Amino acid sequence: MRTKIATTVSALLLCTAMAAAQQASPMHEGHRDHLDTDDDGAVNRTEYRAFMTEAFGKLDTDRDGSLRAADVGQILTTDQFTAMDRNGDGAVSRTEFMNQVMADFARADSSGDGQLQ
């Protein structure tokens, strides 16, 4: 299960960043289907936040409320981890993580309708 969460988080982070840069579709259909809990064909902000909140909990294996590079080494590059670690303490808090992934969502939401297609 951790591998599935890690793979999906990694793909979503990469896809949303690429989509924001290229104005392309932000996620693969399989990812959308996994996150689209109301089955309306899109992932809204609430669905994305819920998934990423759950993902953080699964990635935080020692349950200390933060992620270390070792927790996410297979998911994030060093540069991505450093960018997420806004206060530079060597750990990504739940707040830092959620701020980043929701900012990524907003950038990928090129239409501004609060949904990723």
PDB file of N, CA and C in Angstrom:
ATOM      1  N   MET A   1       0.829  -1.194   0.000  1.00  0.00           N
ATOM      2  CA  MET A   1       0.000   0.000   0.000  1.00  0.00           C
ATOM      3  C   MET A   1       0.869   1.251   0.000  1.00  0.00           C
ATOM      4  N   ARG A   2       1.948   1.250   0.802  1.00  0.00           N
ATOM      5  CA  ARG A   2       2.832   2.411   0.841  1.00  0.00           C
ATOM      6  C   ARG A   2       3.424   2.674  -0.538  1.00  0.00           C
ATOM      7  N   THR A   3       3.750   1.612  -1.266  1.00  0.00           N
ATOM      8  CA  THR A   3       4.306   1.769  -2.600  1.00  0.00           C
ATOM      9  C   THR A   3       3.285   2.394  -3.542  1.00  0.00           C
ATOM     10  N   LYS A   4       2.026   1.979  -3.438  1.00  0.00           N
ATOM     11  CA  LYS A   4       0.986   2.545  -4.295  1.00  0.00           C
ATOM     12  C   LYS A   4       0.801   4.032  -3.987  1.00  0.00           C
ATOM     13  N   ILE A   5       0.761   4.385  -2.720  1.00  0.00           N
ATOM     14  CA  ILE A   5       0.634   5.795  -2.317  1.00  0.00           C
ATOM     15  C   ILE A   5       1.848   6.566  -2.817  1.00  0.00           C
ATOM     16  N   ALA A   6       3.031   6.036  -2.591  1.00  0.00           N
ATOM     17  CA  ALA A   6       4.253   6.718  -3.000  1.00  0.00           C
ATOM     18  C   ALA A   6       4.287   6.935  -4.505  1.00  0.00           C
ATOM     19  N   THR A   7       3.920   5.923  -5.249  1.00  0.00           N
ATOM     20  CA  THR A   7       3.914   6.036  -6.708  1.00  0.00           C
ATOM     21  C   THR A   7       2.907   7.084  -7.165  1.00  0.00           C
ATOM     22  N   THR A   8       1.729   7.061  -6.579  1.00  0.00           N
ATOM     23  CA  THR A   8       0.705   8.025  -6.967  1.00  0.00           C
ATOM     24  C   THR A   8       1.116   9.437  -6.590  1.00  0.00           C
ATOM     25  N   VAL A   9       1.642   9.633  -5.375  1.00  0.00           N
ATOM     26  CA  VAL A   9       2.095  10.967  -4.955  1.00  0.00           C
ATOM     27  C   VAL A   9       3.183  11.464  -5.886  1.00  0.00           C
ATOM     28  N   SER A  10       4.147  10.613  -6.160  1.00  0.00           N
ATOM     29  CA  SER A  10       5.249  10.994  -7.051  1.00  0.00           C
ATOM     30  C   SER A  10       4.720  11.401  -8.419  1.00  0.00           C
ATOM     31  N   ALA A  11       3.845  10.590  -8.967  1.00  0.00           N
ATOM     32  CA  ALA A  11       3.290  10.892 -10.289  1.00  0.00           C
ATOM     33  C   ALA A  11       2.472  12.180 -10.265  1.00  0.00           C
ATOM     34  N   LEU A  12       1.697  12.374  -9.225  1.00  0.00           N
ATOM     35  CA  LEU A  12       0.881  13.585  -9.142  1.00  0.00           C
ATOM     36  C   LEU A  12       1.737  14.828  -9.013  1.00  0.00           C
ATOM     37  N   LEU A  13       2.771  14.756  -8.183  1.00  0.00           N
ATOM     38  CA  LEU A  13       3.652  15.913  -8.042  1.00  0.00           C
ATOM     39  C   LEU A  13       4.318  16.243  -9.370  1.00  0.00           C
ATOM     40  N   LEU A  14       4.795  15.236 -10.052  1.00  0.00           N
ATOM     41  CA  LEU A  14       5.435  15.441 -11.343  1.00  0.00           C
ATOM     42  C   LEU A  14       4.431  15.939 -12.371  1.00  0.00           C
ATOM     43  N   CYS A  15       3.269  15.316 -12.443  1.00  0.00           N
ATOM     44  CA  CYS A  15       2.267  15.698 -13.439  1.00  0.00           C
ATOM     45  C   CYS A  15       1.737  17.102 -13.212  1.00  0.00           C
ATOM     46  N   THR A  16       1.462  17.470 -11.972  1.00  0.00           N
ATOM     47  CA  THR A  16       0.931  18.802 -11.730  1.00  0.00           C
ATOM     48  C   THR A  16       1.976  19.856 -12.031  1.00  0.00           C
ATOM     49  N   ALA A  17       3.232  19.588 -11.721  1.00  0.00           N
ATOM     50  CA  ALA A  17       4.300  20.538 -12.049  1.00  0.00           C
ATOM     51  C   ALA A  17       4.458  20.671 -13.562  1.00  0.00           C
ATOM     52  N   MET A  18       4.438  19.547 -14.267  1.00  0.00           N
ATOM     53  CA  MET A  18       4.571  19.586 -15.718  1.00  0.00           C
ATOM     54  C   MET A  18       3.372  20.264 -16.364  1.00  0.00           C
ATOM     55  N   ALA A  19       2.187  19.982 -15.850  1.00  0.00           N
ATOM     56  CA  ALA A  19       0.985  20.583 -16.420  1.00  0.00           C
ATOM     57  C   ALA A  19       0.990  22.090 -16.237  1.00  0.00           C
ATOM     58  N   ALA A  20       1.424  22.524 -15.085  1.00  0.00           N
ATOM     59  CA  ALA A  20       1.481  23.963 -14.843  1.00  0.00           C
ATOM     60  C   ALA A  20       2.455  24.621 -15.811  1.00  0.00           C
ATOM     61  N   ALA A  21       3.554  23.965 -16.082  1.00  0.00           N
ATOM     62  CA  ALA A  21       4.554  24.517 -16.990  1.00  0.00           C
ATOM     63  C   ALA A  21       4.097  24.463 -18.439  1.00  0.00           C
ATOM     64  N   GLN A  22       3.376  23.405 -18.803  1.00  0.00           N
ATOM     65  CA  GLN A  22       3.018  23.197 -20.209  1.00  0.00           C
ATOM     66  C   GLN A  22       1.549  23.449 -20.514  1.00  0.00           C
ATOM     67  N   GLN A  23       0.732  23.727 -19.512  1.00  0.00           N
ATOM     68  CA  GLN A  23      -0.708  23.863 -19.684  1.00  0.00           C
ATOM     69  C   GLN A  23      -1.295  22.587 -20.297  1.00  0.00           C
ATOM     70  N   ALA A  24      -0.785  21.442 -19.895  1.00  0.00           N
ATOM     71  CA  ALA A  24      -1.265  20.152 -20.391  1.00  0.00           C
ATOM     72  C   ALA A  24      -2.203  19.530 -19.361  1.00  0.00           C
ATOM     73  N   SER A  25      -2.752  18.372 -19.711  1.00  0.00           N
ATOM     74  CA  SER A  25      -3.584  17.655 -18.759  1.00  0.00           C
ATOM     75  C   SER A  25      -2.745  17.282 -17.541  1.00  0.00           C
ATOM     76  N   PRO A  26      -3.207  17.628 -16.333  1.00  0.00           N
ATOM     77  CA  PRO A  26      -2.379  17.469 -15.160  1.00  0.00           C
ATOM     78  C   PRO A  26      -2.197  16.054 -14.650  1.00  0.00           C
ATOM     79  N   MET A  27      -3.012  15.117 -15.073  1.00  0.00           N
ATOM     80  CA  MET A  27      -2.819  13.784 -14.540  1.00  0.00           C
ATOM     81  C   MET A  27      -3.294  12.722 -15.515  1.00  0.00           C
ATOM     82  N   HIS A  28      -2.706  11.584 -15.352  1.00  0.00           N
ATOM     83  CA  HIS A  28      -3.052  10.408 -16.129  1.00  0.00           C
ATOM     84  C   HIS A  28      -4.453   9.943 -15.705  1.00  0.00           C
ATOM     85  N   GLU A  29      -5.184   9.354 -16.626  1.00  0.00           N
ATOM     86  CA  GLU A  29      -6.557   8.910 -16.349  1.00  0.00           C
ATOM     87  C   GLU A  29      -6.623   7.968 -15.147  1.00  0.00           C
ATOM     88  N   GLY A  30      -5.653   7.074 -15.011  1.00  0.00           N
ATOM     89  CA  GLY A  30      -5.643   6.145 -13.876  1.00  0.00           C
ATOM     90  C   GLY A  30      -5.508   6.868 -12.549  1.00  0.00           C
ATOM     91  N   HIS A  31      -4.689   7.917 -12.516  1.00  0.00           N
ATOM     92  CA  HIS A  31      -4.562   8.707 -11.291  1.00  0.00           C
ATOM     93  C   HIS A  31      -5.856   9.449 -11.003  1.00  0.00           C
ATOM     94  N   ARG A  32      -6.440  10.027 -12.038  1.00  0.00           N
ATOM     95  CA  ARG A  32      -7.697  10.757 -11.864  1.00  0.00           C
ATOM     96  C   ARG A  32      -8.769   9.815 -11.312  1.00  0.00           C
ATOM     97  N   ASP A  33      -8.883   8.636 -11.895  1.00  0.00           N
ATOM     98  CA  ASP A  33      -9.892   7.686 -11.445  1.00  0.00           C
ATOM     99  C   ASP A  33      -9.698   7.313  -9.976  1.00  0.00           C
ATOM    100  N   HIS A  34      -8.447   7.207  -9.550  1.00  0.00           N
ATOM    101  CA  HIS A  34      -8.131   6.845  -8.166  1.00  0.00           C
ATOM    102  C   HIS A  34      -8.538   7.962  -7.199  1.00  0.00           C
ATOM    103  N   LEU A  35      -8.347   9.211  -7.592  1.00  0.00           N
ATOM    104  CA  LEU A  35      -8.616  10.346  -6.711  1.00  0.00           C
ATOM    105  C   LEU A  35     -10.032  10.885  -6.835  1.00  0.00           C
ATOM    106  N   ASP A  36     -10.693  10.617  -7.927  1.00  0.00           N
ATOM    107  CA  ASP A  36     -12.028  11.153  -8.205  1.00  0.00           C
ATOM    108  C   ASP A  36     -13.076  10.365  -7.419  1.00  0.00           C
ATOM    109  N   THR A  37     -13.206  10.675  -6.153  1.00  0.00           N
ATOM    110  CA  THR A  37     -14.069   9.891  -5.274  1.00  0.00           C
ATOM    111  C   THR A  37     -15.557  10.096  -5.542  1.00  0.00           C
ATOM    112  N   ASP A  38     -15.942  11.202  -6.153  1.00  0.00           N
ATOM    113  CA  ASP A  38     -17.357  11.407  -6.473  1.00  0.00           C
ATOM    114  C   ASP A  38     -17.691  11.025  -7.918  1.00  0.00           C
ATOM    115  N   ASP A  39     -16.706  10.472  -8.625  1.00  0.00           N
ATOM    116  CA  ASP A  39     -16.899   9.943  -9.983  1.00  0.00           C
ATOM    117  C   ASP A  39     -17.516  10.938 -10.959  1.00  0.00           C
ATOM    118  N   ASP A  40     -17.090  12.207 -10.854  1.00  0.00           N
ATOM    119  CA  ASP A  40     -17.618  13.201 -11.793  1.00  0.00           C
ATOM    120  C   ASP A  40     -16.669  13.486 -12.959  1.00  0.00           C
ATOM    121  N   GLY A  41     -15.575  12.713 -13.034  1.00  0.00           N
ATOM    122  CA  GLY A  41     -14.648  12.860 -14.145  1.00  0.00           C
ATOM    123  C   GLY A  41     -13.546  13.885 -13.927  1.00  0.00           C
ATOM    124  N   ALA A  42     -13.497  14.478 -12.748  1.00  0.00           N
ATOM    125  CA  ALA A  42     -12.467  15.460 -12.428  1.00  0.00           C
ATOM    126  C   ALA A  42     -12.069  15.294 -10.965  1.00  0.00           C
ATOM    127  N   VAL A  43     -10.898  15.807 -10.639  1.00  0.00           N
ATOM    128  CA  VAL A  43     -10.435  15.803  -9.250  1.00  0.00           C
ATOM    129  C   VAL A  43     -10.530  17.230  -8.740  1.00  0.00           C
ATOM    130  N   ASN A  44     -11.387  17.423  -7.755  1.00  0.00           N
ATOM    131  CA  ASN A  44     -11.529  18.771  -7.216  1.00  0.00           C
ATOM    132  C   ASN A  44     -10.541  18.990  -6.070  1.00  0.00           C
ATOM    133  N   ARG A  45     -10.474  20.210  -5.623  1.00  0.00           N
ATOM    134  CA  ARG A  45      -9.531  20.607  -4.581  1.00  0.00           C
ATOM    135  C   ARG A  45      -9.714  19.755  -3.315  1.00  0.00           C
ATOM    136  N   THR A  46     -10.940  19.487  -2.943  1.00  0.00           N
ATOM    137  CA  THR A  46     -11.228  18.708  -1.733  1.00  0.00           C
ATOM    138  C   THR A  46     -10.734  17.272  -1.872  1.00  0.00           C
ATOM    139  N   GLU A  47     -10.982  16.660  -3.021  1.00  0.00           N
ATOM    140  CA  GLU A  47     -10.520  15.287  -3.261  1.00  0.00           C
ATOM    141  C   GLU A  47      -8.993  15.225  -3.241  1.00  0.00           C
ATOM    142  N   TYR A  48      -8.365  16.206  -3.868  1.00  0.00           N
ATOM    143  CA  TYR A  48      -6.906  16.242  -3.928  1.00  0.00           C
ATOM    144  C   TYR A  48      -6.320  16.422  -2.529  1.00  0.00           C
ATOM    145  N   ARG A  49      -6.896  17.359  -1.760  1.00  0.00           N
ATOM    146  CA  ARG A  49      -6.417  17.606  -0.396  1.00  0.00           C
ATOM    147  C   ARG A  49      -6.574  16.351   0.466  1.00  0.00           C
ATOM    148  N   ALA A  50      -7.710  15.676   0.350  1.00  0.00           N
ATOM    149  CA  ALA A  50      -7.945  14.458   1.138  1.00  0.00           C
ATOM    150  C   ALA A  50      -6.917  13.387   0.800  1.00  0.00           C
ATOM    151  N   PHE A  51      -6.663  13.192  -0.505  1.00  0.00           N
ATOM    152  CA  PHE A  51      -5.679  12.185  -0.897  1.00  0.00           C
ATOM    153  C   PHE A  51      -4.296  12.542  -0.375  1.00  0.00           C
ATOM    154  N   MET A  52      -3.901  13.800  -0.531  1.00  0.00           N
ATOM    155  CA  MET A  52      -2.563  14.203  -0.111  1.00  0.00           C
ATOM    156  C   MET A  52      -2.407  14.180   1.415  1.00  0.00           C
ATOM    157  N   THR A  53      -3.477  14.452   2.131  1.00  0.00           N
ATOM    158  CA  THR A  53      -3.437  14.338   3.591  1.00  0.00           C
ATOM    159  C   THR A  53      -3.206  12.891   3.995  1.00  0.00           C
ATOM    160  N   GLU A  54      -3.932  11.986   3.353  1.00  0.00           N
ATOM    161  CA  GLU A  54      -3.743  10.558   3.617  1.00  0.00           C
ATOM    162  C   GLU A  54      -2.334  10.117   3.212  1.00  0.00           C
ATOM    163  N   ALA A  55      -1.873  10.604   2.073  1.00  0.00           N
ATOM    164  CA  ALA A  55      -0.535  10.242   1.596  1.00  0.00           C
ATOM    165  C   ALA A  55       0.529  10.675   2.591  1.00  0.00           C
ATOM    166  N   PHE A  56       0.393  11.896   3.119  1.00  0.00           N
ATOM    167  CA  PHE A  56       1.369  12.365   4.108  1.00  0.00           C
ATOM    168  C   PHE A  56       1.404  11.409   5.292  1.00  0.00           C
ATOM    169  N   GLY A  57       0.239  11.026   5.774  1.00  0.00           N
ATOM    170  CA  GLY A  57       0.177  10.098   6.907  1.00  0.00           C
ATOM    171  C   GLY A  57       0.848   8.774   6.619  1.00  0.00           C
ATOM    172  N   LYS A  58       0.685   8.276   5.408  1.00  0.00           N
ATOM    173  CA  LYS A  58       1.320   7.000   5.042  1.00  0.00           C
ATOM    174  C   LYS A  58       2.834   7.149   4.880  1.00  0.00           C
ATOM    175  N   LEU A  59       3.266   8.296   4.366  1.00  0.00           N
ATOM    176  CA  LEU A  59       4.691   8.519   4.169  1.00  0.00           C
ATOM    177  C   LEU A  59       5.423   8.806   5.481  1.00  0.00           C
ATOM    178  N   ASP A  60       4.729   9.352   6.447  1.00  0.00           N
ATOM    179  CA  ASP A  60       5.305   9.679   7.749  1.00  0.00           C
ATOM    180  C   ASP A  60       5.351   8.410   8.595  1.00  0.00           C
ATOM    181  N   THR A  61       6.259   7.526   8.257  1.00  0.00           N
ATOM    182  CA  THR A  61       6.292   6.193   8.860  1.00  0.00           C
ATOM    183  C   THR A  61       6.590   6.205  10.353  1.00  0.00           C
ATOM    184  N   ASP A  62       7.336   7.186  10.833  1.00  0.00           N
ATOM    185  CA  ASP A  62       7.627   7.228  12.267  1.00  0.00           C
ATOM    186  C   ASP A  62       6.615   8.065  13.045  1.00  0.00           C
ATOM    187  N   ARG A  63       5.616   8.594  12.339  1.00  0.00           N
ATOM    188  CA  ARG A  63       4.497   9.331  12.927  1.00  0.00           C
ATOM    189  C   ARG A  63       4.938  10.523  13.791  1.00  0.00           C
ATOM    190  N   ASP A  64       5.989  11.207  13.328  1.00  0.00           N
ATOM    191  CA  ASP A  64       6.451  12.376  14.085  1.00  0.00           C
ATOM    192  C   ASP A  64       5.921  13.691  13.514  1.00  0.00           C
ATOM    193  N   GLY A  65       5.054  13.603  12.509  1.00  0.00           N
ATOM    194  CA  GLY A  65       4.448  14.797  11.953  1.00  0.00           C
ATOM    195  C   GLY A  65       5.281  15.500  10.903  1.00  0.00           C
ATOM    196  N   SER A  66       6.359  14.859  10.480  1.00  0.00           N
ATOM    197  CA  SER A  66       7.187  15.449   9.429  1.00  0.00           C
ATOM    198  C   SER A  66       7.827  14.350   8.589  1.00  0.00           C
ATOM    199  N   LEU A  67       8.244  14.762   7.399  1.00  0.00           N
ATOM    200  CA  LEU A  67       8.911  13.840   6.486  1.00  0.00           C
ATOM    201  C   LEU A  67      10.386  14.199   6.429  1.00  0.00           C
ATOM    202  N   ARG A  68      11.212  13.203   6.428  1.00  0.00           N
ATOM    203  CA  ARG A  68      12.644  13.372   6.253  1.00  0.00           C
ATOM    204  C   ARG A  68      12.991  12.902   4.841  1.00  0.00           C
ATOM    205  N   ALA A  69      14.147  13.289   4.386  1.00  0.00           N
ATOM    206  CA  ALA A  69      14.579  12.897   3.043  1.00  0.00           C
ATOM    207  C   ALA A  69      14.513  11.382   2.872  1.00  0.00           C
ATOM    208  N   ALA A  70      14.838  10.638   3.904  1.00  0.00           N
ATOM    209  CA  ALA A  70      14.810   9.175   3.818  1.00  0.00           C
ATOM    210  C   ALA A  70      13.389   8.649   3.612  1.00  0.00           C
ATOM    211  N   ASP A  71      12.385   9.363   4.137  1.00  0.00           N
ATOM    212  CA  ASP A  71      10.991   8.938   3.978  1.00  0.00           C
ATOM    213  C   ASP A  71      10.515   9.085   2.534  1.00  0.00           C
ATOM    214  N   VAL A  72      11.049  10.074   1.835  1.00  0.00           N
ATOM    215  CA  VAL A  72      10.535  10.413   0.504  1.00  0.00           C
ATOM    216  C   VAL A  72      11.602  10.359  -0.585  1.00  0.00           C
ATOM    217  N   GLY A  73      12.719   9.720  -0.295  1.00  0.00           N
ATOM    218  CA  GLY A  73      13.828   9.650  -1.239  1.00  0.00           C
ATOM    219  C   GLY A  73      13.483   9.036  -2.574  1.00  0.00           C
ATOM    220  N   GLN A  74      12.508   8.128  -2.600  1.00  0.00           N
ATOM    221  CA  GLN A  74      12.086   7.502  -3.852  1.00  0.00           C
ATOM    222  C   GLN A  74      11.005   8.313  -4.559  1.00  0.00           C
ATOM    223  N   ILE A  75      10.482   9.345  -3.899  1.00  0.00           N
ATOM    224  CA  ILE A  75       9.366  10.116  -4.429  1.00  0.00           C
ATOM    225  C   ILE A  75       9.800  11.498  -4.889  1.00  0.00           C
ATOM    226  N   LEU A  76      10.595  12.158  -4.068  1.00  0.00           N
ATOM    227  CA  LEU A  76      11.019  13.524  -4.361  1.00  0.00           C
ATOM    228  C   LEU A  76      12.511  13.587  -4.638  1.00  0.00           C
ATOM    229  N   THR A  77      12.881  14.449  -5.543  1.00  0.00           N
ATOM    230  CA  THR A  77      14.299  14.710  -5.749  1.00  0.00           C
ATOM    231  C   THR A  77      14.789  15.567  -4.582  1.00  0.00           C
ATOM    232  N   THR A  78      16.082  15.672  -4.447  1.00  0.00           N
ATOM    233  CA  THR A  78      16.655  16.525  -3.403  1.00  0.00           C
ATOM    234  C   THR A  78      16.181  17.959  -3.566  1.00  0.00           C
ATOM    235  N   ASP A  79      16.129  18.437  -4.797  1.00  0.00           N
ATOM    236  CA  ASP A  79      15.667  19.808  -5.041  1.00  0.00           C
ATOM    237  C   ASP A  79      14.205  19.989  -4.646  1.00  0.00           C
ATOM    238  N   GLN A  80      13.368  19.019  -4.961  1.00  0.00           N
ATOM    239  CA  GLN A  80      11.957  19.106  -4.585  1.00  0.00           C
ATOM    240  C   GLN A  80      11.804  19.107  -3.059  1.00  0.00           C
ATOM    241  N   PHE A  81      12.555  18.238  -2.397  1.00  0.00           N
ATOM    242  CA  PHE A  81      12.486  18.170  -0.940  1.00  0.00           C
ATOM    243  C   PHE A  81      12.936  19.493  -0.327  1.00  0.00           C
ATOM    244  N   THR A  82      14.029  20.021  -0.807  1.00  0.00           N
ATOM    245  CA  THR A  82      14.557  21.284  -0.294  1.00  0.00           C
ATOM    246  C   THR A  82      13.571  22.421  -0.506  1.00  0.00           C
ATOM    247  N   ALA A  83      12.929  22.453  -1.670  1.00  0.00           N
ATOM    248  CA  ALA A  83      11.942  23.496  -1.952  1.00  0.00           C
ATOM    249  C   ALA A  83      10.734  23.379  -1.024  1.00  0.00           C
ATOM    250  N   MET A  84      10.353  22.171  -0.691  1.00  0.00           N
ATOM    251  CA  MET A  84       9.209  21.957   0.188  1.00  0.00           C
ATOM    252  C   MET A  84       9.543  22.313   1.641  1.00  0.00           C
ATOM    253  N   ASP A  85      10.794  22.122   2.009  1.00  0.00           N
ATOM    254  CA  ASP A  85      11.256  22.396   3.373  1.00  0.00           C
ATOM    255  C   ASP A  85      11.493  23.899   3.526  1.00  0.00           C
ATOM    256  N   ARG A  86      10.415  24.646   3.627  1.00  0.00           N
ATOM    257  CA  ARG A  86      10.474  26.114   3.595  1.00  0.00           C
ATOM    258  C   ARG A  86      11.300  26.722   4.724  1.00  0.00           C
ATOM    259  N   ASN A  87      11.303  26.105   5.894  1.00  0.00           N
ATOM    260  CA  ASN A  87      12.070  26.685   6.994  1.00  0.00           C
ATOM    261  C   ASN A  87      13.488  26.127   7.098  1.00  0.00           C
ATOM    262  N   GLY A  88      13.847  25.217   6.198  1.00  0.00           N
ATOM    263  CA  GLY A  88      15.216  24.719   6.112  1.00  0.00           C
ATOM    264  C   GLY A  88      15.676  23.882   7.292  1.00  0.00           C
ATOM    265  N   ASP A  89      14.742  23.232   7.985  1.00  0.00           N
ATOM    266  CA  ASP A  89      15.130  22.449   9.159  1.00  0.00           C
ATOM    267  C   ASP A  89      15.445  20.987   8.841  1.00  0.00           C
ATOM    268  N   GLY A  90      15.433  20.633   7.566  1.00  0.00           N
ATOM    269  CA  GLY A  90      15.749  19.259   7.178  1.00  0.00           C
ATOM    270  C   GLY A  90      14.569  18.316   7.255  1.00  0.00           C
ATOM    271  N   ALA A  91      13.390  18.856   7.520  1.00  0.00           N
ATOM    272  CA  ALA A  91      12.176  18.055   7.598  1.00  0.00           C
ATOM    273  C   ALA A  91      11.045  18.831   6.927  1.00  0.00           C
ATOM    274  N   VAL A  92      10.133  18.105   6.339  1.00  0.00           N
ATOM    275  CA  VAL A  92       8.951  18.723   5.724  1.00  0.00           C
ATOM    276  C   VAL A  92       7.768  18.437   6.634  1.00  0.00           C
ATOM    277  N   SER A  93       7.241  19.488   7.233  1.00  0.00           N
ATOM    278  CA  SER A  93       6.084  19.334   8.117  1.00  0.00           C
ATOM    279  C   SER A  93       4.833  19.078   7.281  1.00  0.00           C
ATOM    280  N   ARG A  94       3.788  18.656   7.953  1.00  0.00           N
ATOM    281  CA  ARG A  94       2.505  18.447   7.277  1.00  0.00           C
ATOM    282  C   ARG A  94       2.066  19.758   6.613  1.00  0.00           C
ATOM    283  N   THR A  95       2.247  20.874   7.306  1.00  0.00           N
ATOM    284  CA  THR A  95       1.855  22.173   6.754  1.00  0.00           C
ATOM    285  C   THR A  95       2.671  22.505   5.512  1.00  0.00           C
ATOM    286  N   GLU A  96       3.980  22.304   5.565  1.00  0.00           N
ATOM    287  CA  GLU A  96       4.828  22.579   4.396  1.00  0.00           C
ATOM    288  C   GLU A  96       4.420  21.696   3.217  1.00  0.00           C
ATOM    289  N   PHE A  97       4.180  20.428   3.499  1.00  0.00           N
ATOM    290  CA  PHE A  97       3.784  19.488   2.460  1.00  0.00           C
ATOM    291  C   PHE A  97       2.463  19.917   1.820  1.00  0.00           C
ATOM    292  N   MET A  98       1.471  20.184   2.657  1.00  0.00           N
ATOM    293  CA  MET A  98       0.153  20.542   2.136  1.00  0.00           C
ATOM    294  C   MET A  98       0.186  21.880   1.412  1.00  0.00           C
ATOM    295  N   ASN A  99       0.934  22.839   1.919  1.00  0.00           N
ATOM    296  CA  ASN A  99       1.055  24.120   1.212  1.00  0.00           C
ATOM    297  C   ASN A  99       1.616  23.907  -0.190  1.00  0.00           C
ATOM    298  N   GLN A 100       2.635  23.055  -0.300  1.00  0.00           N
ATOM    299  CA  GLN A 100       3.255  22.813  -1.602  1.00  0.00           C
ATOM    300  C   GLN A 100       2.320  22.081  -2.556  1.00  0.00           C
ATOM    301  N   VAL A 101       1.710  20.996  -2.082  1.00  0.00           N
ATOM    302  CA  VAL A 101       0.880  20.219  -3.007  1.00  0.00           C
ATOM    303  C   VAL A 101      -0.369  20.997  -3.422  1.00  0.00           C
ATOM    304  N   MET A 102      -0.898  21.820  -2.533  1.00  0.00           N
ATOM    305  CA  MET A 102      -2.067  22.614  -2.910  1.00  0.00           C
ATOM    306  C   MET A 102      -1.673  23.766  -3.834  1.00  0.00           C
ATOM    307  N   ALA A 103      -0.473  24.310  -3.671  1.00  0.00           N
ATOM    308  CA  ALA A 103       0.021  25.314  -4.625  1.00  0.00           C
ATOM    309  C   ALA A 103       0.235  24.669  -5.983  1.00  0.00           C
ATOM    310  N   ASP A 104       0.736  23.436  -5.999  1.00  0.00           N
ATOM    311  CA  ASP A 104       0.895  22.703  -7.261  1.00  0.00           C
ATOM    312  C   ASP A 104      -0.466  22.482  -7.921  1.00  0.00           C
ATOM    313  N   PHE A 105      -1.461  22.128  -7.115  1.00  0.00           N
ATOM    314  CA  PHE A 105      -2.818  21.941  -7.636  1.00  0.00           C
ATOM    315  C   PHE A 105      -3.304  23.236  -8.280  1.00  0.00           C
ATOM    316  N   ALA A 106      -3.137  24.345  -7.583  1.00  0.00           N
ATOM    317  CA  ALA A 106      -3.603  25.641  -8.105  1.00  0.00           C
ATOM    318  C   ALA A 106      -2.910  25.993  -9.415  1.00  0.00           C
ATOM    319  N   ARG A 107      -1.605  25.720  -9.515  1.00  0.00           N
ATOM    320  CA  ARG A 107      -0.879  25.991 -10.760  1.00  0.00           C
ATOM    321  C   ARG A 107      -1.369  25.095 -11.891  1.00  0.00           C
ATOM    322  N   ALA A 108      -1.691  23.844 -11.568  1.00  0.00           N
ATOM    323  CA  ALA A 108      -2.147  22.905 -12.594  1.00  0.00           C
ATOM    324  C   ALA A 108      -3.593  23.181 -13.019  1.00  0.00           C
ATOM    325  N   ASP A 109      -4.339  23.870 -12.180  1.00  0.00           N
ATOM    326  CA  ASP A 109      -5.737  24.197 -12.485  1.00  0.00           C
ATOM    327  C   ASP A 109      -5.761  25.424 -13.393  1.00  0.00           C
ATOM    328  N   SER A 110      -5.392  25.215 -14.641  1.00  0.00           N
ATOM    329  CA  SER A 110      -5.233  26.329 -15.580  1.00  0.00           C
ATOM    330  C   SER A 110      -6.535  27.067 -15.858  1.00  0.00           C
ATOM    331  N   SER A 111      -7.670  26.401 -15.710  1.00  0.00           N
ATOM    332  CA  SER A 111      -8.949  27.067 -15.951  1.00  0.00           C
ATOM    333  C   SER A 111      -9.426  27.832 -14.721  1.00  0.00           C
ATOM    334  N   GLY A 112      -8.847  27.538 -13.570  1.00  0.00           N
ATOM    335  CA  GLY A 112      -9.240  28.220 -12.345  1.00  0.00           C
ATOM    336  C   GLY A 112     -10.591  27.773 -11.800  1.00  0.00           C
ATOM    337  N   ASP A 113     -11.061  26.603 -12.245  1.00  0.00           N
ATOM    338  CA  ASP A 113     -12.373  26.147 -11.803  1.00  0.00           C
ATOM    339  C   ASP A 113     -12.318  25.240 -10.576  1.00  0.00           C
ATOM    340  N   GLY A 114     -11.114  25.057 -10.012  1.00  0.00           N
ATOM    341  CA  GLY A 114     -10.984  24.224  -8.817  1.00  0.00           C
ATOM    342  C   GLY A 114     -10.998  22.742  -9.093  1.00  0.00           C
ATOM    343  N   GLN A 115     -10.755  22.361 -10.367  1.00  0.00           N
ATOM    344  CA  GLN A 115     -10.767  20.954 -10.735  1.00  0.00           C
ATOM    345  C   GLN A 115      -9.623  20.653 -11.693  1.00  0.00           C
ATOM    346  N   LEU A 116      -9.126  19.425 -11.589  1.00  0.00           N
ATOM    347  CA  LEU A 116      -8.152  18.934 -12.556  1.00  0.00           C
ATOM    348  C   LEU A 116      -8.852  17.879 -13.395  1.00  0.00           C
ATOM    349  N   GLN A 117      -8.779  18.030 -14.684  1.00  0.00           N
ATOM    350  CA  GLN A 117      -9.443  17.112 -15.616  1.00  0.00           C
ATOM    351  C   GLN A 117      -8.550  15.947 -15.950  1.00  0.00           C
TER     352      GLN A 117
END
